[in-house]
Protein backbone atom coordinates (compact mmCIF):
# COMPACT_ATOMS: atom_id res chain seq x y z
CA UNK A 1 14.10 94.14 43.68
CA UNK A 2 13.92 92.71 47.05
CA UNK A 3 13.89 95.18 49.89
CA UNK A 4 16.99 95.17 52.25
CA UNK A 5 15.08 93.54 54.97
CA UNK A 6 14.40 90.49 52.62
CA UNK A 7 17.84 90.27 51.22
CA UNK A 8 19.62 86.97 51.98
CA UNK A 9 22.98 88.63 53.03
CA UNK A 10 24.97 88.46 56.04
CA UNK A 11 24.64 92.09 56.58
CA UNK A 12 20.91 92.22 56.19
CA UNK A 13 20.64 89.18 58.69
CA UNK A 14 23.03 90.65 61.21
CA UNK A 15 21.25 94.22 61.21
CA UNK A 16 18.08 92.65 62.57
CA UNK A 17 19.25 91.35 65.74
CA UNK A 18 20.90 94.66 66.46
CA UNK A 19 17.60 96.56 65.58
CA UNK A 20 15.55 94.15 67.85
CA UNK A 21 17.80 94.47 70.59
CA UNK A 22 17.74 98.33 70.53
CA UNK A 23 14.07 98.00 70.32
CA UNK A 24 13.96 95.64 73.41
CA UNK A 25 16.51 98.16 75.24
CA UNK A 26 14.27 101.09 74.72
CA UNK A 27 11.13 99.00 76.17
CA UNK A 28 13.47 98.36 79.28
CA UNK A 29 14.38 101.97 79.64
CA UNK A 30 10.55 102.80 79.49
CA UNK A 31 9.82 100.16 82.10
CA UNK A 32 12.51 101.01 84.34
CA UNK A 33 11.54 104.61 84.24
CA UNK A 34 7.95 103.79 85.44
CA UNK A 35 9.46 101.55 88.07
CA UNK A 36 8.73 98.16 86.56
CA UNK A 37 11.91 96.61 87.16
CA UNK A 38 10.77 93.05 86.45
CA UNK A 39 9.42 94.16 83.17
CA UNK A 40 12.84 96.01 82.30
CA UNK A 41 14.65 92.92 83.34
CA UNK A 42 12.77 90.57 81.14
CA UNK A 43 13.25 93.15 78.33
CA UNK A 44 16.93 93.20 78.63
CA UNK A 45 17.08 89.30 79.10
CA UNK A 46 15.34 88.99 75.66
CA UNK A 47 17.61 91.62 74.06
CA UNK A 48 20.54 89.62 75.34
CA UNK A 49 19.34 86.46 73.88
CA UNK A 50 18.49 88.19 70.42
CA UNK A 51 22.10 89.74 70.22
CA UNK A 52 24.34 88.15 72.69
CA UNK A 53 27.71 89.60 73.52
CA UNK A 54 27.00 93.10 74.54
CA UNK A 55 29.02 94.05 77.49
CA UNK A 56 27.08 97.15 78.27
CA UNK A 57 23.79 95.33 78.19
CA UNK A 58 25.23 92.52 80.40
CA UNK A 59 26.42 95.48 82.93
CA UNK A 60 22.83 96.79 82.85
CA UNK A 61 21.40 93.03 83.36
CA UNK A 62 23.83 92.51 86.34
CA UNK A 63 22.61 95.93 87.89
CA UNK A 64 18.99 95.12 87.53
CA UNK A 65 19.43 91.77 88.81
CA UNK A 66 21.12 93.10 91.80
CA UNK A 67 18.39 95.65 92.50
CA UNK A 68 15.56 92.79 92.16
CA UNK A 69 17.89 90.78 94.39
CA UNK A 70 18.07 87.93 91.81
CA UNK A 71 21.52 87.07 92.76
CA UNK A 72 21.62 83.65 90.57
CA UNK A 73 20.95 86.08 87.49
CA UNK A 74 23.58 88.65 88.56
CA UNK A 75 26.07 85.76 88.71
CA UNK A 76 25.18 84.25 85.55
CA UNK A 77 25.30 87.49 83.64
CA UNK A 78 28.87 88.59 85.43
CA UNK A 79 30.35 85.14 84.50
CA UNK A 80 29.06 85.72 80.88
CA UNK A 81 30.60 89.27 81.03
CA UNK A 82 34.00 88.12 82.38
CA UNK A 83 34.40 86.13 79.39
CA UNK A 84 33.90 89.04 77.08
CA UNK A 85 36.37 91.49 78.70
CA UNK A 86 40.13 91.22 79.52
CA UNK A 87 42.86 92.08 81.84
CA UNK A 88 41.74 94.35 84.81
CA UNK A 89 38.22 94.73 83.94
CA UNK A 90 37.99 90.87 83.78
CA UNK A 91 39.76 90.59 87.17
CA UNK A 92 37.41 93.24 88.60
CA UNK A 93 34.22 91.62 87.15
CA UNK A 94 35.36 88.28 88.66
CA UNK A 95 35.97 89.71 91.92
CA UNK A 96 32.47 91.14 91.82
CA UNK A 97 31.28 87.94 90.84
CA UNK A 98 33.27 86.09 93.79
CA UNK A 99 31.27 88.59 96.30
CA UNK A 100 28.07 87.42 95.16
CA UNK A 101 29.05 83.88 95.47
CA UNK A 102 30.44 84.45 98.98
CA UNK A 103 28.01 87.05 100.21
CA UNK A 104 24.56 86.30 98.49
CA UNK A 105 24.62 82.55 97.17
CA UNK A 106 26.69 80.86 100.08
CA UNK A 107 28.94 79.20 97.49
CA UNK A 108 32.40 79.51 98.92
CA UNK A 109 33.96 76.97 96.50
CA UNK A 110 32.56 79.09 93.43
CA UNK A 111 33.87 82.23 95.18
CA UNK A 112 37.16 80.95 95.44
CA UNK A 113 37.42 79.85 92.00
CA UNK A 114 36.24 83.39 90.83
CA UNK A 115 38.86 84.98 93.01
CA UNK A 116 41.58 82.65 91.71
CA UNK A 117 40.63 83.44 88.28
CA UNK A 118 40.56 87.11 89.11
CA UNK A 119 44.18 86.88 90.25
CA UNK A 120 45.07 85.22 87.14
CA UNK A 121 43.53 87.87 85.21
CA UNK A 122 45.27 90.68 86.98
CA UNK A 123 48.57 88.97 85.29
CA UNK A 124 51.64 89.78 87.45
CA UNK A 125 52.12 92.52 90.23
CA UNK A 126 50.54 93.82 93.47
CA UNK A 127 46.99 93.42 92.67
CA UNK A 128 47.32 89.76 91.64
CA UNK A 129 49.57 88.95 94.92
CA UNK A 130 46.99 90.71 96.99
CA UNK A 131 44.27 88.96 95.46
CA UNK A 132 45.84 85.60 96.25
CA UNK A 133 46.55 86.55 99.77
CA UNK A 134 42.94 87.67 100.41
CA UNK A 135 41.89 84.15 98.73
CA UNK A 136 44.41 82.46 101.21
CA UNK A 137 42.96 84.36 104.04
CA UNK A 138 39.40 83.54 103.19
CA UNK A 139 39.97 79.78 102.55
CA UNK A 140 42.05 79.55 105.84
CA UNK A 141 39.39 81.28 107.89
CA UNK A 142 36.80 78.58 106.52
CA UNK A 143 39.26 75.59 107.08
CA UNK A 144 39.76 75.17 103.34
CA UNK A 145 43.36 74.43 103.88
CA UNK A 146 44.45 73.07 100.45
CA UNK A 147 42.85 76.37 98.69
CA UNK A 148 44.90 78.48 101.24
CA UNK A 149 48.17 76.36 100.17
CA UNK A 150 47.25 76.80 96.56
CA UNK A 151 46.68 80.52 96.75
CA UNK A 152 49.89 81.30 98.82
CA UNK A 153 51.89 78.85 96.48
CA UNK A 154 50.91 80.77 93.71
CA UNK A 155 52.46 83.93 95.03
CA UNK A 156 56.11 84.01 93.56
CA UNK A 157 58.76 83.08 96.34
CA UNK A 158 60.49 86.48 95.77
CA UNK A 159 57.58 88.28 96.69
CA UNK A 160 56.43 86.29 99.73
CA UNK A 161 56.51 88.04 103.17
CA UNK A 162 57.18 86.66 106.50
CA UNK A 163 53.48 86.44 107.22
CA UNK A 164 53.01 84.64 103.82
CA UNK A 165 55.53 81.87 104.79
CA UNK A 166 54.11 81.51 108.08
CA UNK A 167 50.61 81.53 106.90
CA UNK A 168 51.50 78.99 104.19
CA UNK A 169 53.53 76.57 106.57
CA UNK A 170 50.59 76.59 108.90
CA UNK A 171 48.16 75.73 105.94
CA UNK A 172 50.43 72.88 104.84
CA UNK A 173 50.39 71.33 108.25
CA UNK A 174 46.62 71.65 108.46
CA UNK A 175 46.35 70.10 104.85
CA UNK A 176 48.54 67.22 106.20
CA UNK A 177 51.56 68.20 104.35
CA UNK A 178 54.12 68.52 107.43
CA UNK A 179 57.21 67.58 105.25
CA UNK A 180 56.34 70.48 102.81
CA UNK A 181 55.84 72.83 105.64
CA UNK A 182 59.32 71.84 107.20
CA UNK A 183 61.04 72.10 103.51
CA UNK A 184 59.27 75.62 103.54
CA UNK A 185 60.55 76.93 106.75
CA UNK A 186 64.09 75.64 106.30
CA UNK A 187 64.30 77.14 102.93
């Protein structure tokens, strides 16, 4: 009779990546404990390659990449993590990704995109609207008027404050859409 390891069954094939990933995670823990963060990161990267989709592993990769100041890797793993989680957890992951794009990678367009996706992940409600307002403020402060218009336009009319309307009208004018600004103010 064939040993379980040699069986050509889905369960036997699936168990091998899990075993390999656990072994690699153990190696990473040992490397990390001895202060060898580069080795720990490499082991975790391999574990992620062998057994992708583990949200705890991705979170650990983000943490280590941040400690190593490898912001590109942190962004890559956060982006992957965001595809695996839902709701508020997805929104918070995308906000963390936006922070890296803005603060570490100097990539405002990707930061704005991550913020917009975070707002959408929040669904409806105060956190979504607050994220959109924050996005509009960031965009306006960097003269990205179309992004500011898009963000504030996504706030439901019934929830727009006087400040939202004023900022939106200003952004519309600066984006070259004076007629839209007049319609907004007259409404």
